[in-house]
C-alpha atoms as a PDB file:
ATOM      1  CA  MET A   1     -63.182 -67.535  -2.217  1.00  0.00           C
ATOM      2  CA  ARG A   2     -66.319 -65.312  -1.462  1.00  0.00           C
ATOM      3  CA  LYS A   3     -67.962 -68.021   0.260  1.00  0.00           C
ATOM      4  CA  ILE A   4     -69.808 -68.718   3.546  1.00  0.00           C
ATOM      5  CA  ILE A   5     -67.973 -71.872   6.009  1.00  0.00           C
ATOM      6  CA  ILE A   6     -70.158 -74.377   5.807  1.00  0.00           C
ATOM      7  CA  PHE A   7     -70.299 -75.992   9.191  1.00  0.00           C
ATOM      8  CA  PHE A   8     -73.016 -78.391   8.983  1.00  0.00           C
ATOM      9  CA  LEU A   9     -70.860 -81.369   8.984  1.00  0.00           C
ATOM     10  CA  SER A  10     -69.514 -81.096  12.269  1.00  0.00           C
ATOM     11  CA  ALA A  11     -69.726 -79.159  15.548  1.00  0.00           C
ATOM     12  CA  LEU A  12     -66.551 -76.867  16.476  1.00  0.00           C
ATOM     13  CA  LEU A  13     -64.976 -77.799  19.771  1.00  0.00           C
ATOM     14  CA  ALA A  14     -63.546 -75.687  22.395  1.00  0.00           C
ATOM     15  CA  CYS A  15     -60.768 -77.064  24.092  1.00  0.00           C
ATOM     16  CA  SER A  16     -59.199 -75.160  27.739  1.00  0.00           C
ATOM     17  CA  CYS A  17     -55.944 -76.015  29.808  1.00  0.00           C
ATOM     18  CA  ASN A  18     -54.528 -74.350  32.237  1.00  0.00           C
ATOM     19  CA  SER A  19     -51.728 -71.450  31.828  1.00  0.00           C
ATOM     20  CA  LYS A  20     -49.274 -73.951  32.981  1.00  0.00           C
ATOM     21  CA  GLN A  21     -50.129 -76.727  30.156  1.00  0.00           C
ATOM     22  CA  ASN A  22     -50.348 -73.473  28.078  1.00  0.00           C
ATOM     23  CA  LYS A  23     -46.914 -72.547  28.153  1.00  0.00           C
ATOM     24  CA  THR A  24     -45.622 -76.328  28.138  1.00  0.00           C
ATOM     25  CA  THR A  25     -47.448 -76.952  25.068  1.00  0.00           C
ATOM     26  CA  GLU A  26     -46.231 -73.198  23.490  1.00  0.00           C
ATOM     27  CA  LYS A  27     -42.582 -74.196  24.174  1.00  0.00           C
ATOM     28  CA  ALA A  28     -42.961 -77.975  22.660  1.00  0.00           C
ATOM     29  CA  ILE A  29     -44.411 -76.559  19.560  1.00  0.00           C
ATOM     30  CA  SER A  30     -41.726 -73.729  19.574  1.00  0.00           C
ATOM     31  CA  ASP A  31     -38.959 -75.883  19.777  1.00  0.00           C
ATOM     32  CA  THR A  32     -40.405 -77.791  16.716  1.00  0.00           C
ATOM     33  CA  ILE A  33     -40.171 -75.023  14.253  1.00  0.00           C
ATOM     34  CA  PRO A  34     -37.449 -75.019  11.804  1.00  0.00           C
ATOM     35  CA  THR A  35     -35.278 -71.707  11.086  1.00  0.00           C
ATOM     36  CA  GLY A  36     -37.111 -70.114   8.397  1.00  0.00           C
ATOM     37  CA  ALA A  37     -40.433 -70.915   9.140  1.00  0.00           C
ATOM     38  CA  ILE A  38     -43.652 -68.403   9.394  1.00  0.00           C
ATOM     39  CA  PRO A  39     -45.722 -69.409  12.906  1.00  0.00           C
ATOM     40  CA  PHE A  40     -49.789 -69.506  12.247  1.00  0.00           C
ATOM     41  CA  ILE A  41     -52.838 -69.505  14.778  1.00  0.00           C
ATOM     42  CA  TYR A  42     -54.799 -72.315  13.903  1.00  0.00           C
ATOM     43  CA  ASN A  43     -58.456 -71.101  15.013  1.00  0.00           C
ATOM     44  CA  TYR A  44     -61.634 -73.197  14.504  1.00  0.00           C
ATOM     45  CA  LYS A  45     -59.228 -75.185  11.842  1.00  0.00           C
ATOM     46  CA  MET A  46     -58.265 -72.124   9.859  1.00  0.00           C
ATOM     47  CA  ILE A  47     -55.134 -70.774   9.182  1.00  0.00           C
ATOM     48  CA  VAL A  48     -53.913 -67.307  11.037  1.00  0.00           C
ATOM     49  CA  LEU A  49     -51.125 -65.543   9.634  1.00  0.00           C
ATOM     50  CA  ASN A  50     -49.752 -62.429  10.462  1.00  0.00           C
ATOM     51  CA  GLY A  51     -49.176 -59.300   8.307  1.00  0.00           C
ATOM     52  CA  ILE A  52     -48.165 -56.020   7.535  1.00  0.00           C
ATOM     53  CA  TYR A  53     -50.820 -54.129   5.626  1.00  0.00           C
ATOM     54  CA  GLN A  54     -49.764 -51.301   3.177  1.00  0.00           C
ATOM     55  CA  ASP A  55     -46.211 -51.187   5.142  1.00  0.00           C
ATOM     56  CA  SER A  56     -47.854 -49.714   8.244  1.00  0.00           C
ATOM     57  CA  ILE A  57     -50.775 -51.670   9.757  1.00  0.00           C
ATOM     58  CA  PRO A  58     -49.921 -54.845  11.030  1.00  0.00           C
ATOM     59  CA  MET A  59     -52.876 -57.689  11.060  1.00  0.00           C
ATOM     60  CA  ASN A  60     -53.860 -61.239  11.454  1.00  0.00           C
ATOM     61  CA  LEU A  61     -55.501 -62.424   7.699  1.00  0.00           C
ATOM     62  CA  ILE A  62     -56.572 -66.052   7.137  1.00  0.00           C
ATOM     63  CA  PHE A  63     -54.518 -67.608   4.600  1.00  0.00           C
ATOM     64  CA  ASP A  64     -57.424 -68.900   2.096  1.00  0.00           C
ATOM     65  CA  THR A  65     -56.479 -71.064  -1.266  1.00  0.00           C
ATOM     66  CA  GLY A  66     -60.059 -70.915  -2.364  1.00  0.00           C
ATOM     67  CA  TRP A  67     -60.288 -67.270  -1.758  1.00  0.00           C
ATOM     68  CA  VAL A  68     -59.737 -64.527  -4.651  1.00  0.00           C
ATOM     69  CA  GLY A  69     -57.649 -61.614  -3.842  1.00  0.00           C
ATOM     70  CA  LEU A  70     -57.099 -59.640  -0.446  1.00  0.00           C
ATOM     71  CA  THR A  71     -60.093 -58.559   1.622  1.00  0.00           C
ATOM     72  CA  VAL A  72     -59.330 -56.715   4.740  1.00  0.00           C
ATOM     73  CA  SER A  73     -62.278 -54.799   7.180  1.00  0.00           C
ATOM     74  CA  ASP A  74     -64.427 -51.671   5.338  1.00  0.00           C
ATOM     75  CA  SER A  75     -62.965 -49.615   8.431  1.00  0.00           C
ATOM     76  CA  LEU A  76     -59.795 -49.585   6.872  1.00  0.00           C
ATOM     77  CA  ARG A  77     -61.032 -48.295   4.244  1.00  0.00           C
ATOM     78  CA  THR A  78     -60.295 -44.341   3.283  1.00  0.00           C
ATOM     79  CA  LYS A  79     -62.131 -41.365   2.632  1.00  0.00           C
ATOM     80  CA  ASN A  80     -61.127 -41.009  -0.570  1.00  0.00           C
ATOM     81  CA  GLU A  81     -61.487 -44.517  -1.854  1.00  0.00           C
ATOM     82  CA  LYS A  82     -64.545 -45.326  -3.767  1.00  0.00           C
ATOM     83  CA  GLY A  83     -65.881 -48.054  -5.988  1.00  0.00           C
ATOM     84  CA  ASN A  84     -65.136 -51.985  -4.999  1.00  0.00           C
ATOM     85  CA  MET A  85     -61.352 -52.855  -5.954  1.00  0.00           C
ATOM     86  CA  PHE A  86     -58.022 -51.403  -5.439  1.00  0.00           C
ATOM     87  CA  SER A  87     -54.250 -52.140  -5.079  1.00  0.00           C
ATOM     88  CA  LYS A  88     -53.076 -53.149  -2.013  1.00  0.00           C
ATOM     89  CA  LYS A  89     -49.916 -54.843  -0.615  1.00  0.00           C
ATOM     90  CA  LEU A  90     -49.982 -57.282   1.999  1.00  0.00           C
ATOM     91  CA  LYS A  91     -46.392 -58.472   3.579  1.00  0.00           C
ATOM     92  CA  ILE A  92     -45.788 -61.705   5.365  1.00  0.00           C
ATOM     93  CA  GLU A  93     -42.480 -61.691   7.344  1.00  0.00           C
ATOM     94  CA  ASN A  94     -39.851 -61.253   4.236  1.00  0.00           C
ATOM     95  CA  LEU A  95     -42.434 -61.941   1.322  1.00  0.00           C
ATOM     96  CA  GLU A  96     -44.881 -58.969  -0.155  1.00  0.00           C
ATOM     97  CA  TYR A  97     -47.281 -59.124  -2.882  1.00  0.00           C
ATOM     98  CA  ILE A  98     -49.420 -56.415  -4.448  1.00  0.00           C
ATOM     99  CA  TRP A  99     -53.139 -57.528  -5.040  1.00  0.00           C
ATOM    100  CA  ASP A 100     -54.909 -55.208  -8.001  1.00  0.00           C
ATOM    101  CA  ASN A 101     -57.852 -57.229  -6.831  1.00  0.00           C
ATOM    102  CA  ALA A 102     -57.921 -56.216  -3.169  1.00  0.00           C
ATOM    103  CA  SER A 103     -61.412 -55.145  -1.724  1.00  0.00           C
ATOM    104  CA  TYR A 104     -63.097 -54.192   1.588  1.00  0.00           C
ATOM    105  CA  LEU A 105     -65.599 -56.346   3.331  1.00  0.00           C
ATOM    106  CA  GLU A 106     -68.534 -54.447   5.678  1.00  0.00           C
ATOM    107  CA  ASP A 107     -68.184 -54.769   9.142  1.00  0.00           C
ATOM    108  CA  ASN A 108     -71.379 -56.407   9.769  1.00  0.00           C
ATOM    109  CA  LYS A 109     -71.703 -58.635   6.804  1.00  0.00           C
ATOM    110  CA  MET A 110     -71.578 -62.574   7.915  1.00  0.00           C
ATOM    111  CA  LYS A 111     -67.997 -63.158   6.439  1.00  0.00           C
ATOM    112  CA  SER A 112     -66.482 -60.304   8.336  1.00  0.00           C
ATOM    113  CA  LYS A 113     -68.556 -61.398  11.809  1.00  0.00           C
ATOM    114  CA  GLY A 114     -66.621 -64.834  10.784  1.00  0.00           C
ATOM    115  CA  PHE A 115     -63.319 -62.947  10.218  1.00  0.00           C
ATOM    116  CA  ASN A 116     -63.372 -61.210  13.435  1.00  0.00           C
ATOM    117  CA  LYS A 117     -64.411 -65.008  15.546  1.00  0.00           C
ATOM    118  CA  MET A 118     -61.218 -66.176  14.390  1.00  0.00           C
ATOM    119  CA  GLY A 119     -59.141 -63.260  15.178  1.00  0.00           C
ATOM    120  CA  ALA A 120     -58.562 -61.868  11.687  1.00  0.00           C
ATOM    121  CA  CYS A 121     -59.211 -58.819   9.568  1.00  0.00           C
ATOM    122  CA  GLY A 122     -59.774 -60.473   6.583  1.00  0.00           C
ATOM    123  CA  ALA A 123     -58.372 -62.901   3.967  1.00  0.00           C
ATOM    124  CA  PHE A 124     -55.803 -63.455   1.259  1.00  0.00           C
ATOM    125  CA  ASP A 125     -54.833 -66.260  -1.578  1.00  0.00           C
ATOM    126  CA  TRP A 126     -51.903 -67.635  -2.102  1.00  0.00           C
ATOM    127  CA  LYS A 127     -50.608 -65.658  -5.041  1.00  0.00           C
ATOM    128  CA  ILE A 128     -47.773 -64.248  -2.054  1.00  0.00           C
ATOM    129  CA  PHE A 129     -46.490 -67.437  -2.682  1.00  0.00           C
ATOM    130  CA  GLU A 130     -47.057 -67.700  -6.777  1.00  0.00           C
ATOM    131  CA  GLY A 131     -44.074 -69.685  -7.775  1.00  0.00           C
ATOM    132  CA  LYS A 132     -42.686 -71.349  -4.562  1.00  0.00           C
ATOM    133  CA  LEU A 133     -42.617 -74.619  -2.711  1.00  0.00           C
ATOM    134  CA  LEU A 134     -45.077 -73.961   0.441  1.00  0.00           C
ATOM    135  CA  GLU A 135     -44.398 -75.999   3.264  1.00  0.00           C
ATOM    136  CA  ILE A 136     -47.447 -76.171   5.657  1.00  0.00           C
ATOM    137  CA  SER A 137     -47.466 -78.007   9.125  1.00  0.00           C
ATOM    138  CA  TYR A 138     -50.649 -78.534  10.925  1.00  0.00           C
ATOM    139  CA  ARG A 139     -49.117 -80.272  13.118  1.00  0.00           C
ATOM    140  CA  TYR A 140     -46.543 -77.574  14.211  1.00  0.00           C
ATOM    141  CA  LYS A 141     -48.549 -74.395  12.851  1.00  0.00           C
ATOM    142  CA  TYR A 142     -45.754 -73.307  10.716  1.00  0.00           C
ATOM    143  CA  ILE A 143     -45.584 -72.308   6.758  1.00  0.00           C
ATOM    144  CA  LYS A 144     -42.296 -72.407   5.269  1.00  0.00           C
ATOM    145  CA  VAL A 145     -41.171 -72.178   1.768  1.00  0.00           C
ATOM    146  CA  LEU A 146     -38.678 -74.762   0.747  1.00  0.00           C
ATOM    147  CA  GLU A 147     -35.575 -74.154  -1.663  1.00  0.00           C
ATOM    148  CA  ASN A 148     -36.771 -77.599  -3.363  1.00  0.00           C
ATOM    149  CA  THR A 149     -38.142 -81.016  -3.239  1.00  0.00           C
ATOM    150  CA  GLU A 150     -34.915 -83.122  -2.433  1.00  0.00           C
ATOM    151  CA  ASN A 151     -36.381 -84.125   1.089  1.00  0.00           C
ATOM    152  CA  LEU A 152     -39.779 -85.177  -0.045  1.00  0.00           C
ATOM    153  CA  TYR A 153     -38.612 -88.476  -1.153  1.00  0.00           C
ATOM    154  CA  ASP A 154     -41.405 -89.983   1.269  1.00  0.00           C
ATOM    155  CA  TYR A 155     -44.274 -87.455   0.493  1.00  0.00           C
ATOM    156  CA  ASP A 156     -46.929 -88.758  -2.277  1.00  0.00           C
ATOM    157  CA  SER A 157     -47.221 -86.279  -5.255  1.00  0.00           C
ATOM    158  CA  ILE A 158     -50.750 -85.471  -7.002  1.00  0.00           C
ATOM    159  CA  LYS A 159     -51.002 -83.151  -9.872  1.00  0.00           C
ATOM    160  CA  MET A 160     -53.497 -80.335  -9.298  1.00  0.00           C
ATOM    161  CA  GLU A 161     -55.536 -78.528 -11.798  1.00  0.00           C
ATOM    162  CA  LYS A 162     -55.350 -75.031 -12.219  1.00  0.00           C
ATOM    163  CA  LYS A 163     -57.742 -72.594 -13.595  1.00  0.00           C
ATOM    164  CA  ASP A 164     -59.385 -69.170 -13.431  1.00  0.00           C
ATOM    165  CA  ASP A 165     -55.957 -68.049 -12.521  1.00  0.00           C
ATOM    166  CA  ASN A 166     -55.961 -68.990  -8.992  1.00  0.00           C
ATOM    167  CA  ARG A 167     -58.330 -72.314  -8.761  1.00  0.00           C
ATOM    168  CA  LEU A 168     -56.604 -74.926  -7.650  1.00  0.00           C
ATOM    169  CA  GLY A 169     -58.105 -78.627  -7.967  1.00  0.00           C
ATOM    170  CA  LEU A 170     -57.216 -81.531  -6.278  1.00  0.00           C
ATOM    171  CA  PRO A 171     -58.978 -85.316  -7.621  1.00  0.00           C
ATOM    172  CA  VAL A 172     -60.488 -87.601  -4.917  1.00  0.00           C
ATOM    173  CA  THR A 173     -61.631 -90.645  -4.428  1.00  0.00           C
ATOM    174  CA  VAL A 174     -64.631 -91.775  -2.603  1.00  0.00           C
ATOM    175  CA  HIS A 175     -66.481 -95.030  -2.526  1.00  0.00           C
ATOM    176  CA  VAL A 176     -70.112 -94.297  -1.205  1.00  0.00           C
ATOM    177  CA  GLN A 177     -73.407 -96.146  -1.681  1.00  0.00           C
ATOM    178  CA  GLY A 178     -71.457 -99.121  -4.180  1.00  0.00           C
ATOM    179  CA  LYS A 179     -70.394 -96.301  -6.318  1.00  0.00           C
ATOM    180  CA  LYS A 180     -67.016 -94.695  -6.973  1.00  0.00           C
ATOM    181  CA  ILE A 181     -66.323 -91.421  -7.333  1.00  0.00           C
ATOM    182  CA  THR A 182     -63.575 -89.491  -8.791  1.00  0.00           C
ATOM    183  CA  GLU A 183     -63.486 -86.154  -8.911  1.00  0.00           C
ATOM    184  CA  TYR A 184     -61.883 -82.486  -8.942  1.00  0.00           C
ATOM    185  CA  VAL A 185     -62.488 -80.424  -5.815  1.00  0.00           C
ATOM    186  CA  LEU A 186     -61.177 -77.277  -5.114  1.00  0.00           C
ATOM    187  CA  LEU A 187     -58.172 -77.018  -2.493  1.00  0.00           C
ATOM    188  CA  ASP A 188     -59.476 -74.626   0.138  1.00  0.00           C
ATOM    189  CA  THR A 189     -57.313 -73.850   3.212  1.00  0.00           C
ATOM    190  CA  GLY A 190     -60.032 -71.383   4.091  1.00  0.00           C
ATOM    191  CA  LEU A 191     -63.092 -74.070   4.542  1.00  0.00           C
ATOM    192  CA  ASN A 192     -63.251 -75.975   8.228  1.00  0.00           C
ATOM    193  CA  ASP A 193     -64.316 -78.964   7.006  1.00  0.00           C
ATOM    194  CA  ARG A 194     -64.142 -82.343   5.109  1.00  0.00           C
ATOM    195  CA  ILE A 195     -65.211 -82.930   1.854  1.00  0.00           C
ATOM    196  CA  HIS A 196     -68.384 -81.232  -0.510  1.00  0.00           C
ATOM    197  CA  PHE A 197     -69.522 -82.364  -3.522  1.00  0.00           C
ATOM    198  CA  ASN A 198     -71.948 -80.131  -5.655  1.00  0.00           C
ATOM    199  CA  ASP A 199     -75.327 -80.734  -6.693  1.00  0.00           C
ATOM    200  CA  ASN A 200     -74.404 -82.363 -10.302  1.00  0.00           C
ATOM    201  CA  ILE A 201     -72.074 -84.876  -8.519  1.00  0.00           C
ATOM    202  CA  THR A 202     -74.938 -85.818  -6.301  1.00  0.00           C
ATOM    203  CA  GLN A 203     -77.341 -86.285  -9.363  1.00  0.00           C
ATOM    204  CA  LYS A 204     -74.688 -88.254 -11.524  1.00  0.00           C
ATOM    205  CA  TYR A 205     -74.344 -91.062  -9.008  1.00  0.00           C
ATOM    206  CA  ASN A 206     -77.481 -90.852  -7.472  1.00  0.00           C
ATOM    207  CA  ILE A 207     -76.354 -90.399  -3.947  1.00  0.00           C
ATOM    208  CA  LEU A 208     -79.353 -90.994  -1.504  1.00  0.00           C
ATOM    209  CA  ASN A 209     -79.921 -89.344   1.230  1.00  0.00           C
ATOM    210  CA  LYS A 210     -80.408 -92.146   3.530  1.00  0.00           C
ATOM    211  CA  THR A 211     -79.948 -90.181   7.712  1.00  0.00           C
ATOM    212  CA  GLY A 212     -82.733 -87.970   7.044  1.00  0.00           C
ATOM    213  CA  LYS A 213     -80.252 -84.924   8.435  1.00  0.00           C
ATOM    214  CA  GLU A 214     -80.577 -82.196   5.904  1.00  0.00           C
ATOM    215  CA  GLY A 215     -79.371 -78.768   5.795  1.00  0.00           C
ATOM    216  CA  SER A 216     -80.428 -75.867   3.603  1.00  0.00           C
ATOM    217  CA  TRP A 217     -77.513 -76.816   1.715  1.00  0.00           C
ATOM    218  CA  GLY A 218     -77.013 -80.366   1.718  1.00  0.00           C
ATOM    219  CA  TYR A 219     -76.939 -83.560   3.580  1.00  0.00           C
ATOM    220  CA  PRO A 220     -74.179 -85.750   4.992  1.00  0.00           C
ATOM    221  CA  VAL A 221     -73.336 -89.191   3.727  1.00  0.00           C
ATOM    222  CA  GLU A 222     -71.335 -92.009   5.473  1.00  0.00           C
ATOM    223  CA  CYS A 223     -68.437 -93.297   2.647  1.00  0.00           C
ATOM    224  CA  ASP A 224     -66.863 -96.584   2.646  1.00  0.00           C
ATOM    225  CA  THR A 225     -63.542 -94.532   1.607  1.00  0.00           C
ATOM    226  CA  ILE A 226     -61.918 -91.907   0.868  1.00  0.00           C
ATOM    227  CA  LYS A 227     -58.548 -91.493  -0.997  1.00  0.00           C
ATOM    228  CA  LEU A 228     -56.455 -88.973  -1.562  1.00  0.00           C
ATOM    229  CA  GLY A 229     -53.126 -89.690  -3.971  1.00  0.00           C
ATOM    230  CA  LYS A 230     -52.668 -92.998  -2.663  1.00  0.00           C
ATOM    231  CA  TYR A 231     -53.411 -92.651   1.048  1.00  0.00           C
ATOM    232  CA  TYR A 232     -56.714 -93.401   2.787  1.00  0.00           C
ATOM    233  CA  LEU A 233     -58.192 -91.644   5.155  1.00  0.00           C
ATOM    234  CA  ALA A 234     -59.348 -93.452   8.693  1.00  0.00           C
ATOM    235  CA  GLU A 235     -62.802 -94.283   9.455  1.00  0.00           C
ATOM    236  CA  GLU A 236     -63.617 -90.954  11.672  1.00  0.00           C
ATOM    237  CA  ASP A 237     -62.768 -89.216   8.851  1.00  0.00           C
ATOM    238  CA  GLN A 238     -65.340 -90.880   6.329  1.00  0.00           C
ATOM    239  CA  LEU A 239     -68.453 -88.546   6.162  1.00  0.00           C
ATOM    240  CA  VAL A 240     -68.649 -86.012   2.823  1.00  0.00           C
ATOM    241  CA  GLY A 241     -71.177 -83.622   2.089  1.00  0.00           C
ATOM    242  CA  PHE A 242     -73.594 -83.862  -0.516  1.00  0.00           C
ATOM    243  CA  GLN A 243     -75.043 -80.676  -1.938  1.00  0.00           C
ATOM    244  CA  LYS A 244     -78.865 -80.769  -2.742  1.00  0.00           C
ATOM    245  CA  LYS A 245     -80.299 -79.489  -5.904  1.00  0.00           C
ATOM    246  CA  GLY A 246     -81.655 -75.626  -5.265  1.00  0.00           C
ATOM    247  CA  GLY A 247     -79.070 -76.034  -2.425  1.00  0.00           C
ATOM    248  CA  GLY A 248     -76.873 -72.840  -3.456  1.00  0.00           C
ATOM    249  CA  ARG A 249     -74.195 -72.066  -5.878  1.00  0.00           C
ATOM    250  CA  ARG A 250     -71.820 -74.354  -6.523  1.00  0.00           C
ATOM    251  CA  MET A 251     -68.161 -74.599  -5.598  1.00  0.00           C
ATOM    252  CA  PRO A 252     -65.296 -74.370  -8.566  1.00  0.00           C
ATOM    253  CA  PHE A 253     -64.916 -77.724  -9.822  1.00  0.00           C
ATOM    254  CA  ASN A 254     -66.865 -80.255  -8.539  1.00  0.00           C
ATOM    255  CA  GLY A 255     -66.675 -79.418  -5.315  1.00  0.00           C
ATOM    256  CA  ILE A 256     -64.188 -78.348  -2.235  1.00  0.00           C
ATOM    257  CA  ILE A 257     -61.851 -79.878   0.197  1.00  0.00           C
ATOM    258  CA  GLY A 258     -60.890 -78.063   3.530  1.00  0.00           C
ATOM    259  CA  ASN A 259     -58.499 -78.267   6.665  1.00  0.00           C
ATOM    260  CA  ARG A 260     -60.448 -81.035   8.514  1.00  0.00           C
ATOM    261  CA  LEU A 261     -58.874 -83.642   6.076  1.00  0.00           C
ATOM    262  CA  LEU A 262     -55.976 -81.500   5.232  1.00  0.00           C
ATOM    263  CA  GLU A 263     -54.882 -81.262   8.477  1.00  0.00           C
ATOM    264  CA  LYS A 264     -54.520 -85.087   8.480  1.00  0.00           C
ATOM    265  CA  PHE A 265     -50.844 -84.617   6.644  1.00  0.00           C
ATOM    266  CA  SER A 266     -47.683 -82.848   6.179  1.00  0.00           C
ATOM    267  CA  ILE A 267     -48.326 -80.837   3.307  1.00  0.00           C
ATOM    268  CA  VAL A 268     -46.297 -78.765   0.410  1.00  0.00           C
ATOM    269  CA  LEU A 269     -47.738 -76.901  -2.364  1.00  0.00           C
ATOM    270  CA  ASP A 270     -45.489 -76.547  -5.495  1.00  0.00           C
ATOM    271  CA  LEU A 271     -47.101 -73.387  -6.597  1.00  0.00           C
ATOM    272  CA  LYS A 272     -44.988 -73.232  -9.875  1.00  0.00           C
ATOM    273  CA  ASN A 273     -45.612 -77.022 -11.179  1.00  0.00           C
ATOM    274  CA  TYR A 274     -48.967 -77.277  -9.365  1.00  0.00           C
ATOM    275  CA  TYR A 275     -48.582 -80.480  -7.402  1.00  0.00           C
ATOM    276  CA  LEU A 276     -49.764 -81.237  -3.768  1.00  0.00           C
ATOM    277  CA  TYR A 277     -47.316 -83.152  -1.789  1.00  0.00           C
ATOM    278  CA  LEU A 278     -48.472 -84.877   1.119  1.00  0.00           C
ATOM    279  CA  ARG A 279     -47.329 -87.739   3.788  1.00  0.00           C
ATOM    280  CA  PRO A 280     -49.779 -88.679   6.755  1.00  0.00           C
ATOM    281  CA  ILE A 281     -48.849 -87.483  10.155  1.00  0.00           C
ATOM    282  CA  GLU A 282     -47.901 -89.958  12.711  1.00  0.00           C
END
């Protein structure tokens, strides 16, 4: 989705290691990528895939299930192209898709600068994988289209809600300040944070800011438990953002969930029947 990536709940951590360690790690990871899988770069907790744009231009793009369409740098606009929406093709390995709502983003815009920081030239939504079973391995950094669900016997499954053609809602349950909140939030692999609830949920459950920490969007609240499917998140992950009144545009559904929590699981997206399969990473 077209949004500003939210950083207020957590600082980005940069890690470095010597070249020998990098080579060892890369070899270990490559040995765990199965045949037919597509490796990705995981920058700032964002999934970055390599693709071919318009059959000729290789580029890195963010895979963002909360995005709408395909968006690339305005530097790729041809002289004859006027307007805002275009028909453009992207190929990821042996998969390709044509978006009729592709768009350009000016290089001086904040979002474009964010793309560049993550080593990407744009973003694309999940329509290229529509009708397929898509495994996302945060641990080993690959995606893979699966043939069936036969090997998912030890995964929990959650029915997602689909609306507006490409919005996927996921039910989450949070216990906070003596209240139980169960709401659908947007499944968004383009968010490098945890869970954020919209201001209508903040008001509905009267969630108070007891820490005094507050940003322009809202404030973080430490919860008692967070449950996704049948699984409870570890204590260190029990921080949730609550939007304050007047804190900006609401997210689809009643909030949003991003990679900082999703990465705790091995997940499979059923983009035909709209289920999320998940299993905690040991």
